[in-house]
Amino acid sequence: MRKFKSILQIAPAIIVVAALFSCGGSSSKKTGDSTANTGTDTSKKAANPAAMAAPFDVVDVIHPVKDYDKWRPVFDADSTNRKACGGQDLAVGRNVDDTNSILVVVKFSDVAKAKAMMADPKLKEAMDKGGVIGKPDINFYHIIRFGGNPAAKQFMVINHKVKDFNAWLKVFDAEGPAKRASEGYADIALSRGIDDTTMVHLAFEVTDMAKAKAAITSADKKKLMESAGVIGKPDIRFYNNTAK
């Protein structure tokens, strides 16, 4: 990842296609209590306090575009609208296996405003202008652990549901960051879904793409996830950082 205000950098925020339009008349009242998604104190004890940012909320958008080089200038030019809605750009990634599939992440201090922005009728118009194809996959996450290398050039994102978050977290922490680092990827962010707290969202810096892909898709990793209570097949994606 290029040095980017990233989910791989620090608590700045998630870029959303929605950032291409104004937030409209949204309420400043926050929806729900994001602190309710943190789980137990285990999430804090397992991490290095010096490397952690305070918990924060993000909106995560994945969508394909007709032409990245045409989409990007439109997206960058509209950063003022994201800021006006209380958003702060965090990460932009291009899928390693499909370079016209884009991930944008934006941090928000007010989830209600973020949701209002994403629901604004001007969104489709902005997407059309940028050449977005189809319906974007939009999710809101509460990040409870955040650290890592802000200069990472590549990253991996994993989304999966779990039967019990605290039970899953114990297995994840027992595996440990050193083990994951030996497999070609390092911890950056751990978060839970805001609308669905059984959804776990993870971001890792990829230090060795071949090793990371082999490890995360191995039979041993599958067994580990099953033992932790992961439901169904996890969504695993690799990105090149293109944040500026």
C-alpha atoms as a PDB file:
ATOM      1  CA  MET A   1       0.000   0.000   0.000  1.00  0.00           C
ATOM      2  CA  ARG A   2       1.345   3.388  -0.884  1.00  0.00           C
ATOM      3  CA  LYS A   3       1.435   5.669   2.154  1.00  0.00           C
ATOM      4  CA  PHE A   4      -2.207   6.188   2.432  1.00  0.00           C
ATOM      5  CA  LYS A   5      -4.418   7.475   5.087  1.00  0.00           C
ATOM      6  CA  SER A   6      -5.455   3.968   5.376  1.00  0.00           C
ATOM      7  CA  ILE A   7      -7.193   1.269   7.142  1.00  0.00           C
ATOM      8  CA  LEU A   8      -3.841   0.506   6.863  1.00  0.00           C
ATOM      9  CA  GLN A   9      -2.635   3.766   8.049  1.00  0.00           C
ATOM     10  CA  ILE A  10      -4.391   5.217  11.047  1.00  0.00           C
ATOM     11  CA  ALA A  11      -7.677   6.442  12.069  1.00  0.00           C
ATOM     12  CA  PRO A  12      -8.512   8.688   9.182  1.00  0.00           C
ATOM     13  CA  ALA A  13     -11.262   7.067   7.138  1.00  0.00           C
ATOM     14  CA  ILE A  14     -13.014   5.221   4.430  1.00  0.00           C
ATOM     15  CA  ILE A  15     -13.428   6.625   0.970  1.00  0.00           C
ATOM     16  CA  VAL A  16     -16.787   5.802  -0.434  1.00  0.00           C
ATOM     17  CA  VAL A  17     -18.183   6.265  -3.842  1.00  0.00           C
ATOM     18  CA  ALA A  18     -20.764   8.097  -1.860  1.00  0.00           C
ATOM     19  CA  ALA A  19     -18.064  10.589  -1.317  1.00  0.00           C
ATOM     20  CA  LEU A  20     -18.821  11.689  -4.804  1.00  0.00           C
ATOM     21  CA  PHE A  21     -21.942  13.421  -3.636  1.00  0.00           C
ATOM     22  CA  SER A  22     -23.241  15.638  -0.883  1.00  0.00           C
ATOM     23  CA  CYS A  23     -24.518  14.136   2.356  1.00  0.00           C
ATOM     24  CA  GLY A  24     -27.935  15.729   2.067  1.00  0.00           C
ATOM     25  CA  GLY A  25     -30.016  16.458   5.144  1.00  0.00           C
ATOM     26  CA  SER A  26     -28.686  13.810   7.492  1.00  0.00           C
ATOM     27  CA  SER A  27     -29.140  13.655  11.226  1.00  0.00           C
ATOM     28  CA  SER A  28     -26.150  14.197  13.483  1.00  0.00           C
ATOM     29  CA  LYS A  29     -27.527  11.646  15.930  1.00  0.00           C
ATOM     30  CA  LYS A  30     -25.456   8.481  15.894  1.00  0.00           C
ATOM     31  CA  THR A  31     -27.237   5.206  15.165  1.00  0.00           C
ATOM     32  CA  GLY A  32     -26.667   2.769  17.964  1.00  0.00           C
ATOM     33  CA  ASP A  33     -23.765   2.600  20.370  1.00  0.00           C
ATOM     34  CA  SER A  34     -20.619   1.560  18.548  1.00  0.00           C
ATOM     35  CA  THR A  35     -18.913   0.734  21.815  1.00  0.00           C
ATOM     36  CA  ALA A  36     -21.338  -2.139  22.218  1.00  0.00           C
ATOM     37  CA  ASN A  37     -19.473  -3.967  19.450  1.00  0.00           C
ATOM     38  CA  THR A  38     -16.132  -4.213  21.210  1.00  0.00           C
ATOM     39  CA  GLY A  39     -16.792  -7.515  22.914  1.00  0.00           C
ATOM     40  CA  THR A  40     -14.830  -8.268  26.071  1.00  0.00           C
ATOM     41  CA  ASP A  41     -11.644  -6.713  27.414  1.00  0.00           C
ATOM     42  CA  THR A  42      -9.778  -9.517  25.664  1.00  0.00           C
ATOM     43  CA  SER A  43      -9.628  -7.351  22.542  1.00  0.00           C
ATOM     44  CA  LYS A  44      -7.667  -4.699  24.400  1.00  0.00           C
ATOM     45  CA  LYS A  45      -5.409  -6.941  26.479  1.00  0.00           C
ATOM     46  CA  ALA A  46      -4.185  -8.864  23.461  1.00  0.00           C
ATOM     47  CA  ALA A  47      -2.957  -5.813  21.585  1.00  0.00           C
ATOM     48  CA  ASN A  48      -0.010  -3.521  22.127  1.00  0.00           C
ATOM     49  CA  PRO A  49      -1.545  -0.282  23.526  1.00  0.00           C
ATOM     50  CA  ALA A  50       1.242   1.819  22.010  1.00  0.00           C
ATOM     51  CA  ALA A  51       0.346   0.568  18.542  1.00  0.00           C
ATOM     52  CA  MET A  52      -3.404   0.955  18.856  1.00  0.00           C
ATOM     53  CA  ALA A  53      -5.670   3.791  17.775  1.00  0.00           C
ATOM     54  CA  ALA A  54      -8.883   4.502  19.666  1.00  0.00           C
ATOM     55  CA  PRO A  55     -11.908   2.577  18.302  1.00  0.00           C
ATOM     56  CA  PHE A  56     -13.630   4.242  15.354  1.00  0.00           C
ATOM     57  CA  ASP A  57     -16.269   3.578  12.688  1.00  0.00           C
ATOM     58  CA  VAL A  58     -15.832   3.182   8.964  1.00  0.00           C
ATOM     59  CA  VAL A  59     -17.876   2.571   5.852  1.00  0.00           C
ATOM     60  CA  ASP A  60     -16.430   0.006   3.492  1.00  0.00           C
ATOM     61  CA  VAL A  61     -17.436  -0.060  -0.195  1.00  0.00           C
ATOM     62  CA  ILE A  62     -16.498  -2.588  -2.858  1.00  0.00           C
ATOM     63  CA  HIS A  63     -17.534  -2.044  -6.482  1.00  0.00           C
ATOM     64  CA  PRO A  64     -16.306  -2.683 -10.033  1.00  0.00           C
ATOM     65  CA  VAL A  65     -15.587   0.179 -12.431  1.00  0.00           C
ATOM     66  CA  LYS A  66     -15.384   0.316 -16.217  1.00  0.00           C
ATOM     67  CA  ASP A  67     -12.038   2.064 -16.187  1.00  0.00           C
ATOM     68  CA  TYR A  68     -10.021   2.778 -13.054  1.00  0.00           C
ATOM     69  CA  ASP A  69      -8.061   5.622 -14.652  1.00  0.00           C
ATOM     70  CA  LYS A  70     -11.302   7.424 -15.511  1.00  0.00           C
ATOM     71  CA  TRP A  71     -12.957   6.684 -12.168  1.00  0.00           C
ATOM     72  CA  ARG A  72     -10.088   7.859  -9.978  1.00  0.00           C
ATOM     73  CA  PRO A  73     -10.013  11.560 -10.974  1.00  0.00           C
ATOM     74  CA  VAL A  74     -13.767  11.839 -10.349  1.00  0.00           C
ATOM     75  CA  PHE A  75     -13.350  10.221  -6.959  1.00  0.00           C
ATOM     76  CA  ASP A  76     -10.396  12.386  -5.943  1.00  0.00           C
ATOM     77  CA  ALA A  77     -12.079  15.582  -7.086  1.00  0.00           C
ATOM     78  CA  ASP A  78     -15.009  14.964  -4.780  1.00  0.00           C
ATOM     79  CA  SER A  79     -13.055  14.639  -1.532  1.00  0.00           C
ATOM     80  CA  THR A  80     -14.578  17.903  -0.299  1.00  0.00           C
ATOM     81  CA  ASN A  81     -18.032  16.288  -0.275  1.00  0.00           C
ATOM     82  CA  ARG A  82     -16.789  13.414   1.857  1.00  0.00           C
ATOM     83  CA  LYS A  83     -15.308  15.882   4.318  1.00  0.00           C
ATOM     84  CA  ALA A  84     -18.523  17.910   4.368  1.00  0.00           C
ATOM     85  CA  CYS A  85     -20.343  14.750   5.452  1.00  0.00           C
ATOM     86  CA  GLY A  86     -17.853  14.150   8.250  1.00  0.00           C
ATOM     87  CA  GLY A  87     -15.845  11.540   6.374  1.00  0.00           C
ATOM     88  CA  GLN A  88     -12.096  11.128   6.351  1.00  0.00           C
ATOM     89  CA  ASP A  89     -10.414   9.087   3.613  1.00  0.00           C
ATOM     90  CA  LEU A  90      -8.699   5.994   4.927  1.00  0.00           C
ATOM     91  CA  ALA A  91      -7.927   3.510   2.133  1.00  0.00           C
ATOM     92  CA  VAL A  92      -8.281   2.860  -1.586  1.00  0.00           C
ATOM     93  CA  GLY A  93      -7.347  -0.506  -3.003  1.00  0.00           C
ATOM     94  CA  ARG A  94      -7.379  -2.267  -6.379  1.00  0.00           C
ATOM     95  CA  ASN A  95      -8.048  -5.983  -6.302  1.00  0.00           C
ATOM     96  CA  VAL A  96      -4.878  -7.906  -7.175  1.00  0.00           C
ATOM     97  CA  ASP A  97      -6.847 -10.429  -9.231  1.00  0.00           C
ATOM     98  CA  ASP A  98      -9.241  -7.916 -10.826  1.00  0.00           C
ATOM     99  CA  THR A  99      -7.761  -4.415 -11.048  1.00  0.00           C
ATOM    100  CA  ASN A 100     -11.112  -2.813 -11.903  1.00  0.00           C
ATOM    101  CA  SER A 101     -12.621  -4.031  -8.629  1.00  0.00           C
ATOM    102  CA  ILE A 102     -12.149  -1.224  -6.103  1.00  0.00           C
ATOM    103  CA  LEU A 103     -12.255  -1.064  -2.311  1.00  0.00           C
ATOM    104  CA  VAL A 104     -12.740   2.332  -0.716  1.00  0.00           C
ATOM    105  CA  VAL A 105     -12.805   2.962   3.026  1.00  0.00           C
ATOM    106  CA  VAL A 106     -13.833   6.131   4.860  1.00  0.00           C
ATOM    107  CA  LYS A 107     -13.853   6.907   8.558  1.00  0.00           C
ATOM    108  CA  PHE A 108     -16.905   8.622  10.056  1.00  0.00           C
ATOM    109  CA  SER A 109     -17.543  10.103  13.462  1.00  0.00           C
ATOM    110  CA  ASP A 110     -21.304   9.865  12.887  1.00  0.00           C
ATOM    111  CA  VAL A 111     -22.684   6.619  11.459  1.00  0.00           C
ATOM    112  CA  ALA A 112     -26.115   8.174  10.892  1.00  0.00           C
ATOM    113  CA  LYS A 113     -24.575  10.789   8.602  1.00  0.00           C
ATOM    114  CA  ALA A 114     -22.596   8.114   6.799  1.00  0.00           C
ATOM    115  CA  LYS A 115     -25.731   6.066   6.173  1.00  0.00           C
ATOM    116  CA  ALA A 116     -27.629   9.139   5.018  1.00  0.00           C
ATOM    117  CA  MET A 117     -24.847   9.923   2.578  1.00  0.00           C
ATOM    118  CA  MET A 118     -24.871   6.410   1.191  1.00  0.00           C
ATOM    119  CA  ALA A 119     -28.657   6.559   0.735  1.00  0.00           C
ATOM    120  CA  ASP A 120     -28.637   9.973  -0.963  1.00  0.00           C
ATOM    121  CA  PRO A 121     -30.358   9.879  -4.412  1.00  0.00           C
ATOM    122  CA  LYS A 122     -27.327  11.610  -5.880  1.00  0.00           C
ATOM    123  CA  LEU A 123     -25.268   8.494  -5.252  1.00  0.00           C
ATOM    124  CA  LYS A 124     -26.315   6.701  -8.440  1.00  0.00           C
ATOM    125  CA  GLU A 125     -25.636   9.829 -10.477  1.00  0.00           C
ATOM    126  CA  ALA A 126     -22.146  10.072  -9.009  1.00  0.00           C
ATOM    127  CA  MET A 127     -21.498   6.388  -9.579  1.00  0.00           C
ATOM    128  CA  ASP A 128     -22.600   6.649 -13.182  1.00  0.00           C
ATOM    129  CA  LYS A 129     -20.260   9.577 -13.684  1.00  0.00           C
ATOM    130  CA  GLY A 130     -17.360   7.590 -12.312  1.00  0.00           C
ATOM    131  CA  GLY A 131     -18.212   4.511 -14.356  1.00  0.00           C
ATOM    132  CA  VAL A 132     -19.227   2.267 -11.464  1.00  0.00           C
ATOM    133  CA  ILE A 133     -20.801  -0.977 -12.665  1.00  0.00           C
ATOM    134  CA  GLY A 134     -23.618  -2.713 -10.821  1.00  0.00           C
ATOM    135  CA  LYS A 135     -24.630  -2.393  -7.186  1.00  0.00           C
ATOM    136  CA  PRO A 136     -21.834  -1.659  -4.700  1.00  0.00           C
ATOM    137  CA  ASP A 137     -21.308  -3.819  -1.615  1.00  0.00           C
ATOM    138  CA  ILE A 138     -21.582  -1.390   1.317  1.00  0.00           C
ATOM    139  CA  ASN A 139     -20.850  -2.297   4.941  1.00  0.00           C
ATOM    140  CA  PHE A 140     -20.358  -0.366   8.178  1.00  0.00           C
ATOM    141  CA  TYR A 141     -17.767  -1.544  10.691  1.00  0.00           C
ATOM    142  CA  HIS A 142     -16.665  -0.613  14.195  1.00  0.00           C
ATOM    143  CA  ILE A 143     -12.873  -0.973  14.323  1.00  0.00           C
ATOM    144  CA  ILE A 144     -11.755  -2.105  17.770  1.00  0.00           C
ATOM    145  CA  ARG A 145      -8.072  -2.772  17.030  1.00  0.00           C
ATOM    146  CA  PHE A 146      -5.951  -0.736  14.674  1.00  0.00           C
ATOM    147  CA  GLY A 147      -2.214  -0.644  14.097  1.00  0.00           C
ATOM    148  CA  GLY A 148       0.359  -1.849  11.614  1.00  0.00           C
ATOM    149  CA  ASN A 149       2.548  -0.517   8.832  1.00  0.00           C
ATOM    150  CA  PRO A 150       1.213   2.718   7.245  1.00  0.00           C
ATOM    151  CA  ALA A 151       3.528   2.239   4.248  1.00  0.00           C
ATOM    152  CA  ALA A 152       2.273  -1.233   3.349  1.00  0.00           C
ATOM    153  CA  LYS A 153       1.932  -1.656  -0.408  1.00  0.00           C
ATOM    154  CA  GLN A 154      -0.428  -4.621  -0.389  1.00  0.00           C
ATOM    155  CA  PHE A 155      -3.114  -5.793   1.988  1.00  0.00           C
ATOM    156  CA  MET A 156      -5.566  -8.624   2.534  1.00  0.00           C
ATOM    157  CA  VAL A 157      -9.151  -8.206   3.712  1.00  0.00           C
ATOM    158  CA  ILE A 158     -11.162 -11.052   5.250  1.00  0.00           C
ATOM    159  CA  ASN A 159     -14.866 -10.940   6.077  1.00  0.00           C
ATOM    160  CA  HIS A 160     -16.705 -13.792   7.756  1.00  0.00           C
ATOM    161  CA  LYS A 161     -19.529 -14.470  10.200  1.00  0.00           C
ATOM    162  CA  VAL A 162     -18.947 -16.158  13.544  1.00  0.00           C
ATOM    163  CA  LYS A 163     -21.180 -18.041  15.962  1.00  0.00           C
ATOM    164  CA  ASP A 164     -19.763 -16.243  18.996  1.00  0.00           C
ATOM    165  CA  PHE A 165     -17.383 -13.289  18.720  1.00  0.00           C
ATOM    166  CA  ASN A 166     -15.637 -13.772  22.074  1.00  0.00           C
ATOM    167  CA  ALA A 167     -15.077 -17.487  21.415  1.00  0.00           C
ATOM    168  CA  TRP A 168     -13.701 -16.663  17.946  1.00  0.00           C
ATOM    169  CA  LEU A 169     -11.424 -13.955  19.383  1.00  0.00           C
ATOM    170  CA  LYS A 170      -9.807 -16.399  21.817  1.00  0.00           C
ATOM    171  CA  VAL A 171      -8.812 -18.673  18.932  1.00  0.00           C
ATOM    172  CA  PHE A 172      -7.595 -15.730  16.837  1.00  0.00           C
ATOM    173  CA  ASP A 173      -5.447 -14.426  19.699  1.00  0.00           C
ATOM    174  CA  ALA A 174      -4.147 -17.898  20.525  1.00  0.00           C
ATOM    175  CA  GLU A 175      -2.853 -18.196  16.963  1.00  0.00           C
ATOM    176  CA  GLY A 176      -1.113 -14.868  17.513  1.00  0.00           C
ATOM    177  CA  PRO A 177       0.387 -12.140  15.294  1.00  0.00           C
ATOM    178  CA  ALA A 178       3.805 -13.847  15.183  1.00  0.00           C
ATOM    179  CA  LYS A 179       2.306 -16.923  13.521  1.00  0.00           C
ATOM    180  CA  ARG A 180       0.467 -14.803  10.977  1.00  0.00           C
ATOM    181  CA  ALA A 181       3.602 -12.777  10.270  1.00  0.00           C
ATOM    182  CA  SER A 182       5.484 -16.009   9.551  1.00  0.00           C
ATOM    183  CA  GLU A 183       2.821 -16.788   6.952  1.00  0.00           C
ATOM    184  CA  GLY A 184       3.363 -13.576   5.013  1.00  0.00           C
ATOM    185  CA  TYR A 185       0.814 -11.196   6.525  1.00  0.00           C
ATOM    186  CA  ALA A 186       0.667  -8.876   9.544  1.00  0.00           C
ATOM    187  CA  ASP A 187      -2.224  -7.547  11.630  1.00  0.00           C
ATOM    188  CA  ILE A 188      -3.612  -4.100  10.811  1.00  0.00           C
ATOM    189  CA  ALA A 189      -7.269  -3.939  11.827  1.00  0.00           C
ATOM    190  CA  LEU A 190      -9.920  -6.018  13.557  1.00  0.00           C
ATOM    191  CA  SER A 191     -13.528  -4.894  13.485  1.00  0.00           C
ATOM    192  CA  ARG A 192     -17.141  -6.016  13.869  1.00  0.00           C
ATOM    193  CA  GLY A 193     -20.165  -5.220  11.777  1.00  0.00           C
ATOM    194  CA  ILE A 194     -22.290  -2.357  13.064  1.00  0.00           C
ATOM    195  CA  ASP A 195     -25.533  -3.719  11.644  1.00  0.00           C
ATOM    196  CA  ASP A 196     -24.553  -7.358  12.182  1.00  0.00           C
ATOM    197  CA  THR A 197     -22.175  -7.910  15.102  1.00  0.00           C
ATOM    198  CA  THR A 198     -21.610 -11.554  14.105  1.00  0.00           C
ATOM    199  CA  MET A 199     -19.699 -10.246  11.080  1.00  0.00           C
ATOM    200  CA  VAL A 200     -15.931  -9.971  11.608  1.00  0.00           C
ATOM    201  CA  HIS A 201     -13.816  -7.782   9.339  1.00  0.00           C
ATOM    202  CA  LEU A 202     -10.016  -8.167   9.308  1.00  0.00           C
ATOM    203  CA  ALA A 203      -7.286  -6.282   7.450  1.00  0.00           C
ATOM    204  CA  PHE A 204      -3.666  -7.415   7.154  1.00  0.00           C
ATOM    205  CA  GLU A 205      -0.529  -6.045   5.542  1.00  0.00           C
ATOM    206  CA  VAL A 206       0.742  -8.572   3.004  1.00  0.00           C
ATOM    207  CA  THR A 207       4.517  -8.961   3.216  1.00  0.00           C
ATOM    208  CA  ASP A 208       4.730 -12.062   0.999  1.00  0.00           C
ATOM    209  CA  MET A 209       1.824 -12.530  -1.413  1.00  0.00           C
ATOM    210  CA  ALA A 210       2.574 -16.149  -2.341  1.00  0.00           C
ATOM    211  CA  LYS A 211       2.962 -17.249   1.289  1.00  0.00           C
ATOM    212  CA  ALA A 212      -0.114 -15.321   2.421  1.00  0.00           C
ATOM    213  CA  LYS A 213      -2.347 -16.814  -0.282  1.00  0.00           C
ATOM    214  CA  ALA A 214      -1.082 -20.314   0.419  1.00  0.00           C
ATOM    215  CA  ALA A 215      -1.517 -19.987   4.195  1.00  0.00           C
ATOM    216  CA  ILE A 216      -4.958 -18.391   4.231  1.00  0.00           C
ATOM    217  CA  THR A 217      -6.404 -21.009   1.859  1.00  0.00           C
ATOM    218  CA  SER A 218      -4.688 -24.011   3.479  1.00  0.00           C
ATOM    219  CA  ALA A 219      -6.503 -26.953   5.049  1.00  0.00           C
ATOM    220  CA  ASP A 220      -4.975 -26.073   8.419  1.00  0.00           C
ATOM    221  CA  LYS A 221      -6.352 -22.538   8.278  1.00  0.00           C
ATOM    222  CA  LYS A 222      -9.774 -23.854   7.310  1.00  0.00           C
ATOM    223  CA  LYS A 223      -9.757 -26.162  10.339  1.00  0.00           C
ATOM    224  CA  LEU A 224      -8.655 -23.293  12.589  1.00  0.00           C
ATOM    225  CA  MET A 225     -11.515 -21.101  11.362  1.00  0.00           C
ATOM    226  CA  GLU A 226     -14.007 -23.910  11.857  1.00  0.00           C
ATOM    227  CA  SER A 227     -12.756 -24.465  15.409  1.00  0.00           C
ATOM    228  CA  ALA A 228     -13.227 -20.742  16.075  1.00  0.00           C
ATOM    229  CA  GLY A 229     -16.851 -20.899  14.945  1.00  0.00           C
ATOM    230  CA  VAL A 230     -16.558 -19.241  11.549  1.00  0.00           C
ATOM    231  CA  ILE A 231     -19.811 -19.699   9.617  1.00  0.00           C
ATOM    232  CA  GLY A 232     -19.646 -20.485   5.909  1.00  0.00           C
ATOM    233  CA  LYS A 233     -16.874 -19.634   3.499  1.00  0.00           C
ATOM    234  CA  PRO A 234     -14.895 -16.469   4.361  1.00  0.00           C
ATOM    235  CA  ASP A 235     -14.617 -13.689   1.787  1.00  0.00           C
ATOM    236  CA  ILE A 236     -10.882 -13.198   1.218  1.00  0.00           C
ATOM    237  CA  ARG A 237      -9.540 -10.468  -1.079  1.00  0.00           C
ATOM    238  CA  PHE A 238      -6.089  -9.083  -1.861  1.00  0.00           C
ATOM    239  CA  TYR A 239      -5.447  -5.464  -2.793  1.00  0.00           C
ATOM    240  CA  ASN A 240      -2.730  -3.163  -4.038  1.00  0.00           C
ATOM    241  CA  ASN A 241      -2.827   0.111  -2.142  1.00  0.00           C
ATOM    242  CA  THR A 242      -3.527   3.092  -4.383  1.00  0.00           C
ATOM    243  CA  ALA A 243      -4.272   5.722  -1.758  1.00  0.00           C
ATOM    244  CA  LYS A 244      -2.496   9.033  -2.289  1.00  0.00           C
END
